[in-house]
Amino acid sequence: MRLHRNLVFTVIDSLNAIFNEGEYADKVVARALKKDKRWGSADRKFVAETIYEIVRWKRLYAEIAEVKEPYDRDNLWRMFAVWAVLRGYNLPDWKYFEDTPVRRIKGRFDELSKIRKYRESIPDWMDELGVKELGEQKWEKEIAAQNEQAQVILRVNTLKTTKEKLRNILMDSGIDTLFIKEYPDALVLKERANVFLTQAFKDGLFEVQDASSQLVARFLEVEPGMRVVDTCAGAGGKTLHMASLMENKGQLIAMDLYESKLKQLKLRAKRNSAFNIEYRIIDSTKVIKKLHEKADRVLIDAPCSGLGVLKRNPDSKWKLQPEFVENIKKTQAEVLESYSKIVKPGGKLVYATCSVLPSENQEQVQHFLSTETGKQFSFIKDHKVLASESGFDGFYMALLERKK
């Protein structure tokens, strides 16, 4: 296996942007892949996967390379050399690799792999928090699963096609997919591919959405003709799923604090032919008050630590801070208190997060049910998804009903 200079330089530049300039890995990778039109799929795959791998294993590689933040370019080359040696590449005779201690790298890897925080490459505080909340054994399995590469999962847009038809259409484009038992709208790619370039995507036949995330809309038990409110819609993956489950009948109100996210959702909705969506920016408390007791169903896809989706966003291991996790719990409690008032008597609410921490999930729901507002609700059921058990993202969802 040979290393190509222009590809490796792109990786180094990208790591510099992620580690030293605070940019998000997915944006950096997308930019890197546009750098050279002559690159084939193998080149693009090398660039994307290498960047993500070094981001994912940053702490382990930095420890083996004996480098500390902030990383200068020499440090980044040393970390890259560690990655290349552990991946079995023969290092070319470039000046950057002159003093690479190949045998020592392998020895240090074996040594550090015995210590979980290095083996799974996570900050001390995250390891301690995981053990505290999930217990040693469960956390050990969960963080290992969160370090595996995420699969590409599609959600068929049933407003336009069926799962069977979509599978055949993709097969004609050379993309092989499998059905996933117990996920009625999901197709998983056998091999990674850029599905956004396909005509099927441009025609709005599917969205890319993790299997766990696809459980949420169904958990809310939405039906055609209902009035449904998605209170933290963001770019709208779950909104669009609900639109298809509602067969475009009824009213679906997508709300968010950020206009830019709703603009993105509008574009996606147009491509999906989802026409029953209204858009509202939460720019004052009036927006919420106007909807008090008006909705049959309310989704609160709450802001969270994202500790269930590290395999998808490995750079968040380094961006996330313990104080953020503490503060987000206060936000979750406020959001539940405020947005739950939109549910009409006899209506239902789902509180969901992409976290695996009980303090953001079950404990938030229990706390809410003990408040004055929460006493108007009864707990129906919840569903905890761990990456180590499902193979997909870590998620939590709780279904509550407002008493009549």
Protein backbone atom coordinates (compact mmCIF):
# COMPACT_ATOMS: atom_id res chain seq x y z
CA MET A 1 0.00 0.00 0.00
CA ARG A 2 1.47 3.32 -1.12
CA LEU A 3 0.92 6.77 0.32
CA HIS A 4 0.32 9.56 -2.20
CA ARG A 5 1.73 12.96 -1.36
CA ASN A 6 -1.22 15.13 -2.43
CA LEU A 7 -3.73 12.96 -0.52
CA VAL A 8 -1.62 12.96 2.65
CA PHE A 9 -1.10 16.74 2.50
CA THR A 10 -4.88 17.18 2.26
CA VAL A 11 -5.30 15.01 5.36
CA ILE A 12 -2.70 17.06 7.29
CA ASP A 13 -4.35 20.37 6.28
CA SER A 14 -7.74 19.03 7.31
CA LEU A 15 -6.51 17.83 10.71
CA ASN A 16 -5.02 21.27 11.31
CA ALA A 17 -8.43 22.88 10.62
CA ILE A 18 -10.23 20.45 12.96
CA PHE A 19 -7.74 20.34 15.85
CA ASN A 20 -6.34 23.87 15.79
CA GLU A 21 -9.02 26.02 14.21
CA GLY A 22 -12.09 24.44 15.83
CA GLU A 23 -13.81 23.52 12.56
CA TYR A 24 -16.31 20.65 12.39
CA ALA A 25 -14.96 17.42 10.89
CA ASP A 26 -17.89 16.84 8.50
CA LYS A 27 -17.54 20.34 6.99
CA VAL A 28 -13.75 19.96 6.67
CA VAL A 29 -14.09 16.54 5.01
CA ALA A 30 -16.72 17.84 2.56
CA ARG A 31 -14.36 20.68 1.60
CA ALA A 32 -11.36 18.34 1.30
CA LEU A 33 -13.23 16.05 -1.11
CA LYS A 34 -13.79 18.95 -3.51
CA LYS A 35 -10.09 19.79 -3.64
CA ASP A 36 -9.10 17.82 -6.73
CA LYS A 37 -11.55 16.83 -9.47
CA ARG A 38 -9.12 14.18 -10.76
CA TRP A 39 -9.40 12.06 -7.62
CA GLY A 40 -11.16 8.74 -8.06
CA SER A 41 -13.40 7.07 -5.50
CA ALA A 42 -10.45 5.26 -3.84
CA ASP A 43 -8.62 8.60 -3.35
CA ARG A 44 -11.70 10.26 -1.88
CA LYS A 45 -12.30 7.28 0.38
CA PHE A 46 -8.71 7.44 1.64
CA VAL A 47 -8.98 11.17 2.45
CA ALA A 48 -12.34 10.97 4.23
CA GLU A 49 -11.67 7.81 6.21
CA THR A 50 -8.14 8.79 7.23
CA ILE A 51 -9.26 12.18 8.55
CA TYR A 52 -12.09 10.59 10.54
CA GLU A 53 -9.86 7.82 11.90
CA ILE A 54 -7.19 10.21 13.16
CA VAL A 55 -9.88 12.43 14.71
CA ARG A 56 -11.49 9.40 16.35
CA TRP A 57 -8.22 8.09 17.82
CA LYS A 58 -6.65 11.49 18.51
CA ARG A 59 -5.80 10.89 22.16
CA LEU A 60 -4.28 7.46 21.55
CA TYR A 61 -2.21 8.60 18.55
CA ALA A 62 -1.04 11.79 20.29
CA GLU A 63 0.06 9.76 23.31
CA ILE A 64 1.99 7.28 21.13
CA ALA A 65 3.53 10.14 19.11
CA GLU A 66 4.36 12.00 22.36
CA VAL A 67 2.81 15.28 21.17
CA LYS A 68 0.69 17.77 23.08
CA GLU A 69 -1.91 20.36 22.02
CA PRO A 70 -1.83 22.77 20.32
CA TYR A 71 -0.41 20.60 17.53
CA ASP A 72 2.01 22.20 15.08
CA ARG A 73 2.44 20.65 11.63
CA ASP A 74 5.34 18.47 12.81
CA ASN A 75 3.07 17.08 15.54
CA LEU A 76 0.35 16.32 12.98
CA TRP A 77 2.90 14.49 10.78
CA ARG A 78 3.98 12.43 13.80
CA MET A 79 0.35 11.49 14.53
CA PHE A 80 -0.16 10.63 10.87
CA ALA A 81 2.95 8.41 10.98
CA VAL A 82 1.46 6.54 13.99
CA TRP A 83 -1.76 5.99 12.04
CA ALA A 84 0.15 4.78 8.95
CA VAL A 85 2.37 2.36 10.92
CA LEU A 86 -0.62 0.88 12.78
CA ARG A 87 -2.48 0.51 9.47
CA GLY A 88 0.44 -1.41 7.93
CA TYR A 89 1.67 1.21 5.42
CA ASN A 90 5.33 1.26 4.38
CA LEU A 91 6.46 4.80 5.13
CA PRO A 92 7.92 6.51 2.03
CA ASP A 93 11.32 8.26 2.35
CA TRP A 94 9.79 11.71 2.86
CA LYS A 95 11.54 14.06 5.30
CA TYR A 96 8.45 13.98 7.59
CA PHE A 97 9.00 10.29 8.35
CA GLU A 98 12.79 10.33 8.78
CA ASP A 99 12.94 9.44 12.47
CA THR A 100 9.73 7.42 12.82
CA PRO A 101 10.31 4.71 15.51
CA VAL A 102 8.20 1.97 13.89
CA ARG A 103 8.83 -0.76 16.48
CA ARG A 104 8.32 1.64 19.37
CA ILE A 105 4.95 2.76 17.95
CA LYS A 106 3.68 -0.82 17.91
CA GLY A 107 4.99 -1.46 21.44
CA ARG A 108 3.37 1.72 22.82
CA PHE A 109 0.09 0.80 21.11
CA ASP A 110 0.03 -2.62 22.82
CA GLU A 111 0.87 -0.99 26.16
CA LEU A 112 -1.71 1.83 25.99
CA SER A 113 -4.45 -0.45 24.64
CA LYS A 114 -4.71 -1.93 28.15
CA ILE A 115 -6.02 1.41 29.51
CA ARG A 116 -9.58 2.24 28.46
CA LYS A 117 -9.28 6.04 28.17
CA TYR A 118 -6.39 5.55 25.69
CA ARG A 119 -7.74 2.41 24.00
CA GLU A 120 -11.10 4.11 23.31
CA SER A 121 -9.43 7.51 22.95
CA ILE A 122 -11.65 9.67 25.17
CA PRO A 123 -11.09 12.48 27.68
CA ASP A 124 -10.77 11.47 31.37
CA TRP A 125 -13.95 13.32 32.37
CA MET A 126 -16.02 11.49 29.71
CA ASP A 127 -14.74 8.10 30.87
CA GLU A 128 -15.57 8.94 34.49
CA LEU A 129 -19.04 10.22 33.57
CA GLY A 130 -19.81 7.12 31.47
CA VAL A 131 -18.81 4.77 34.32
CA LYS A 132 -20.81 6.83 36.84
CA GLU A 133 -23.99 6.80 34.73
CA LEU A 134 -23.93 3.40 33.01
CA GLY A 135 -21.64 1.32 35.23
CA GLU A 136 -18.25 -0.08 34.25
CA GLN A 137 -19.39 -3.03 32.10
CA LYS A 138 -22.09 -1.25 30.11
CA TRP A 139 -19.91 1.82 29.49
CA GLU A 140 -16.98 -0.38 28.37
CA LYS A 141 -19.18 -1.97 25.67
CA GLU A 142 -20.93 1.27 24.73
CA ILE A 143 -17.82 3.41 24.19
CA ALA A 144 -16.23 0.61 22.14
CA ALA A 145 -19.36 0.50 19.92
CA GLN A 146 -19.29 4.30 19.62
CA ASN A 147 -15.79 4.06 18.13
CA GLU A 148 -16.89 1.87 15.23
CA GLN A 149 -17.54 3.46 11.86
CA ALA A 150 -21.21 4.38 11.41
CA GLN A 151 -23.13 2.61 8.65
CA VAL A 152 -24.93 4.61 5.96
CA ILE A 153 -28.67 4.18 6.54
CA LEU A 154 -31.39 5.51 4.26
CA ARG A 155 -35.02 6.23 5.12
CA VAL A 156 -37.36 5.69 2.20
CA ASN A 157 -39.72 8.59 1.49
CA THR A 158 -43.05 6.74 1.38
CA LEU A 159 -44.76 9.83 -0.08
CA LYS A 160 -42.99 8.99 -3.34
CA THR A 161 -41.96 5.33 -3.40
CA THR A 162 -41.68 2.05 -1.49
CA LYS A 163 -38.69 0.39 0.11
CA GLU A 164 -38.72 -2.40 -2.49
CA LYS A 165 -38.85 0.02 -5.44
CA LEU A 166 -36.11 2.20 -3.97
CA ARG A 167 -33.86 -0.82 -3.46
CA ASN A 168 -34.23 -1.75 -7.15
CA ILE A 169 -33.64 1.83 -8.33
CA LEU A 170 -30.43 2.05 -6.27
CA MET A 171 -29.29 -1.35 -7.51
CA ASP A 172 -29.50 0.01 -11.07
CA SER A 173 -27.10 2.78 -9.95
CA GLY A 174 -24.69 0.15 -8.59
CA ILE A 175 -25.63 0.71 -4.93
CA ASP A 176 -26.49 -2.46 -3.03
CA THR A 177 -28.72 -2.20 0.05
CA LEU A 178 -30.30 -4.48 2.65
CA PHE A 179 -33.56 -4.26 4.58
CA ILE A 180 -33.27 -4.09 8.37
CA LYS A 181 -35.71 -6.21 10.34
CA GLU A 182 -37.97 -4.14 12.62
CA TYR A 183 -37.10 -0.85 10.87
CA PRO A 184 -39.93 -0.55 8.32
CA ASP A 185 -38.55 2.47 6.43
CA ALA A 186 -34.81 1.71 6.50
CA LEU A 187 -32.26 0.49 3.97
CA VAL A 188 -28.62 -0.01 4.93
CA LEU A 189 -25.83 0.30 2.36
CA LYS A 190 -23.68 -2.81 1.94
CA GLU A 191 -20.72 -0.58 1.06
CA ARG A 192 -20.25 3.15 1.65
CA ALA A 193 -21.14 5.33 -1.32
CA ASN A 194 -21.94 8.98 -1.94
CA VAL A 195 -25.71 8.56 -2.23
CA PHE A 196 -26.25 12.33 -2.51
CA LEU A 197 -25.05 12.18 -6.13
CA THR A 198 -27.75 9.70 -7.17
CA GLN A 199 -30.81 10.71 -9.17
CA ALA A 200 -32.95 8.90 -6.57
CA PHE A 201 -31.77 11.37 -3.91
CA LYS A 202 -32.30 14.39 -6.18
CA ASP A 203 -35.83 13.09 -6.85
CA GLY A 204 -36.52 12.99 -3.10
CA LEU A 205 -36.98 9.22 -2.86
CA PHE A 206 -34.97 8.97 0.38
CA GLU A 207 -33.14 10.80 3.14
CA VAL A 208 -30.01 9.68 5.00
CA GLN A 209 -31.10 9.02 8.59
CA ASP A 210 -29.77 6.60 11.22
CA ALA A 211 -31.99 3.63 12.06
CA SER A 212 -32.35 4.70 15.73
CA SER A 213 -33.44 8.18 14.70
CA GLN A 214 -36.08 6.55 12.46
CA LEU A 215 -37.76 5.02 15.52
CA VAL A 216 -38.74 8.40 16.99
CA ALA A 217 -41.51 9.53 14.59
CA ARG A 218 -43.26 6.15 14.82
CA PHE A 219 -42.93 6.20 18.63
CA LEU A 220 -45.07 9.39 18.64
CA GLU A 221 -47.96 7.49 16.99
CA VAL A 222 -48.72 10.23 14.44
CA GLU A 223 -51.63 9.70 12.05
CA PRO A 224 -52.95 11.42 8.92
CA GLY A 225 -55.15 14.45 9.71
CA MET A 226 -53.62 15.25 13.10
CA ARG A 227 -52.10 18.53 14.23
CA VAL A 228 -48.49 17.71 15.09
CA VAL A 229 -45.77 20.05 16.39
CA ASP A 230 -42.04 19.35 16.08
CA THR A 231 -40.65 21.82 18.61
CA CYS A 232 -36.90 21.41 17.92
CA ALA A 233 -37.11 20.60 14.22
CA GLY A 234 -33.58 21.59 13.19
CA ALA A 235 -32.94 20.59 9.59
CA GLY A 236 -35.92 18.30 9.88
CA GLY A 237 -35.03 14.60 9.47
CA LYS A 238 -37.77 13.56 11.91
CA THR A 239 -40.18 16.25 10.60
CA LEU A 240 -39.97 14.77 7.11
CA HIS A 241 -40.48 11.26 8.48
CA MET A 242 -43.63 12.43 10.29
CA ALA A 243 -44.88 14.13 7.10
CA SER A 244 -44.63 10.81 5.26
CA LEU A 245 -46.33 8.90 8.11
CA MET A 246 -49.13 11.51 8.01
CA GLU A 247 -49.41 10.97 4.21
CA ASN A 248 -49.27 14.78 3.79
CA LYS A 249 -52.67 15.04 5.55
CA GLY A 250 -53.20 17.27 8.57
CA GLN A 251 -50.96 20.03 9.90
CA LEU A 252 -47.30 19.62 10.83
CA ILE A 253 -45.69 22.66 12.48
CA ALA A 254 -41.89 22.69 12.41
CA MET A 255 -40.37 25.06 14.96
CA ASP A 256 -36.79 26.03 15.72
CA LEU A 257 -34.77 28.85 17.24
CA TYR A 258 -32.70 29.16 14.08
CA GLU A 259 -34.13 30.41 10.80
CA SER A 260 -31.16 28.94 8.86
CA LYS A 261 -32.15 25.40 9.92
CA LEU A 262 -35.77 25.90 8.88
CA LYS A 263 -34.60 27.20 5.49
CA GLN A 264 -32.67 23.97 5.04
CA LEU A 265 -35.78 22.01 6.03
CA LYS A 266 -37.88 23.92 3.45
CA LEU A 267 -35.50 22.83 0.68
CA ARG A 268 -35.57 19.22 1.87
CA ALA A 269 -39.38 19.27 2.18
CA LYS A 270 -39.72 20.53 -1.38
CA ARG A 271 -37.50 17.71 -2.67
CA ASN A 272 -39.53 15.22 -0.56
CA SER A 273 -42.90 16.64 -1.77
CA ALA A 274 -43.90 17.12 1.89
CA PHE A 275 -46.57 19.80 1.65
CA ASN A 276 -48.28 19.75 5.06
CA ILE A 277 -45.44 21.51 6.93
CA GLU A 278 -45.63 25.03 8.37
CA TYR A 279 -42.49 26.78 9.62
CA ARG A 280 -42.26 28.91 12.75
CA ILE A 281 -39.18 30.52 14.26
CA ILE A 282 -39.24 30.58 18.07
CA ASP A 283 -38.27 34.25 18.42
CA SER A 284 -40.44 34.93 21.50
CA THR A 285 -42.52 33.08 24.12
CA LYS A 286 -45.65 34.20 22.22
CA VAL A 287 -44.96 31.63 19.49
CA ILE A 288 -45.32 28.83 22.07
CA LYS A 289 -48.22 30.43 23.97
CA LYS A 290 -50.31 30.67 20.79
CA LEU A 291 -50.14 26.88 20.51
CA HIS A 292 -50.98 26.01 24.14
CA GLU A 293 -53.26 22.95 24.29
CA LYS A 294 -53.66 22.91 20.48
CA ALA A 295 -51.68 19.85 19.34
CA ASP A 296 -52.60 16.16 19.11
CA ARG A 297 -48.92 15.22 19.11
CA VAL A 298 -45.75 17.05 20.16
CA LEU A 299 -42.16 15.97 19.54
CA ILE A 300 -39.45 17.40 21.78
CA ASP A 301 -36.21 16.22 20.18
CA ALA A 302 -34.25 17.92 22.94
CA PRO A 303 -30.77 19.42 22.69
CA CYS A 304 -28.34 17.02 24.37
CA SER A 305 -24.71 15.99 24.86
CA GLY A 306 -24.78 13.79 21.73
CA LEU A 307 -23.10 10.96 23.63
CA GLY A 308 -25.15 8.47 21.61
CA VAL A 309 -23.82 9.62 18.23
CA LEU A 310 -20.03 9.75 18.74
CA LYS A 311 -19.48 7.20 15.94
CA ARG A 312 -21.12 9.72 13.59
CA ASN A 313 -19.43 12.82 15.08
CA PRO A 314 -16.06 11.65 16.47
CA ASP A 315 -14.77 15.25 16.79
CA SER A 316 -17.44 15.98 19.41
CA LYS A 317 -15.37 13.85 21.84
CA TRP A 318 -12.87 16.73 21.80
CA LYS A 319 -15.30 19.65 21.47
CA LEU A 320 -17.66 18.59 24.25
CA GLN A 321 -16.92 19.97 27.75
CA PRO A 322 -18.26 18.68 31.12
CA GLU A 323 -19.87 22.05 31.89
CA PHE A 324 -21.82 21.86 28.60
CA VAL A 325 -23.32 18.53 29.70
CA GLU A 326 -24.38 20.06 33.04
CA ASN A 327 -25.88 23.15 31.37
CA ILE A 328 -27.74 21.19 28.70
CA LYS A 329 -29.63 19.30 31.43
CA LYS A 330 -31.08 22.62 32.63
CA THR A 331 -32.09 23.45 29.05
CA GLN A 332 -33.76 20.03 28.69
CA ALA A 333 -35.84 20.61 31.84
CA GLU A 334 -36.88 24.10 30.61
CA VAL A 335 -37.79 22.83 27.15
CA LEU A 336 -39.93 20.00 28.58
CA GLU A 337 -41.69 22.41 30.95
CA SER A 338 -42.40 24.98 28.22
CA TYR A 339 -43.16 22.89 25.12
CA SER A 340 -45.27 20.25 26.89
CA LYS A 341 -47.99 22.91 27.30
CA ILE A 342 -48.65 22.67 23.53
CA VAL A 343 -50.18 19.18 23.99
CA LYS A 344 -53.95 19.21 24.25
CA PRO A 345 -55.76 17.07 26.85
CA GLY A 346 -55.73 13.48 25.56
CA GLY A 347 -52.80 14.30 23.25
CA LYS A 348 -49.34 12.72 23.38
CA LEU A 349 -45.76 13.90 23.68
CA VAL A 350 -42.42 12.27 22.91
CA TYR A 351 -39.26 13.47 24.65
CA ALA A 352 -36.20 12.22 22.74
CA THR A 353 -32.41 12.65 22.86
CA CYS A 354 -29.40 11.17 21.06
CA SER A 355 -27.68 10.60 24.40
CA VAL A 356 -27.12 7.39 26.39
CA LEU A 357 -26.88 9.12 29.78
CA PRO A 358 -29.76 8.37 32.20
CA SER A 359 -29.37 11.90 33.66
CA GLU A 360 -30.43 13.35 30.29
CA ASN A 361 -33.09 10.71 29.69
CA GLN A 362 -35.06 8.72 32.29
CA GLU A 363 -34.10 11.12 35.09
CA GLN A 364 -35.27 14.16 33.08
CA VAL A 365 -38.63 12.50 32.45
CA GLN A 366 -39.03 11.47 36.11
CA HIS A 367 -38.19 15.00 37.23
CA PHE A 368 -40.70 16.50 34.76
CA LEU A 369 -43.49 14.18 35.94
CA SER A 370 -42.96 15.45 39.50
CA THR A 371 -43.46 19.14 38.52
CA GLU A 372 -46.79 21.00 38.45
CA THR A 373 -46.92 20.89 34.64
CA GLY A 374 -45.72 17.28 34.55
CA LYS A 375 -48.45 16.10 36.92
CA GLN A 376 -50.91 16.65 34.06
CA PHE A 377 -49.18 13.85 32.14
CA SER A 378 -48.97 10.08 32.53
CA PHE A 379 -45.97 8.03 31.48
CA ILE A 380 -46.86 5.44 28.83
CA LYS A 381 -43.53 3.85 27.82
CA ASP A 382 -39.91 4.57 26.96
CA HIS A 383 -37.26 3.00 24.75
CA LYS A 384 -33.51 3.08 25.40
CA VAL A 385 -31.23 2.32 22.45
CA LEU A 386 -27.56 1.57 23.05
CA ALA A 387 -25.10 1.40 20.15
CA SER A 388 -23.53 -1.69 21.76
CA GLU A 389 -26.87 -3.54 21.55
CA SER A 390 -28.41 -2.22 18.33
CA GLY A 391 -25.34 -1.49 16.16
CA PHE A 392 -26.91 1.91 15.42
CA ASP A 393 -26.81 5.27 17.23
CA GLY A 394 -27.55 5.56 20.95
CA PHE A 395 -30.99 7.12 21.50
CA TYR A 396 -33.71 7.60 24.09
CA MET A 397 -37.42 8.27 23.67
CA ALA A 398 -40.28 8.51 26.19
CA LEU A 399 -43.99 8.66 25.33
CA LEU A 400 -46.25 10.67 27.67
CA GLU A 401 -49.99 11.36 27.48
CA ARG A 402 -51.72 14.47 28.73
CA LYS A 403 -54.58 13.59 31.07
CA LYS A 404 -58.07 14.50 29.86
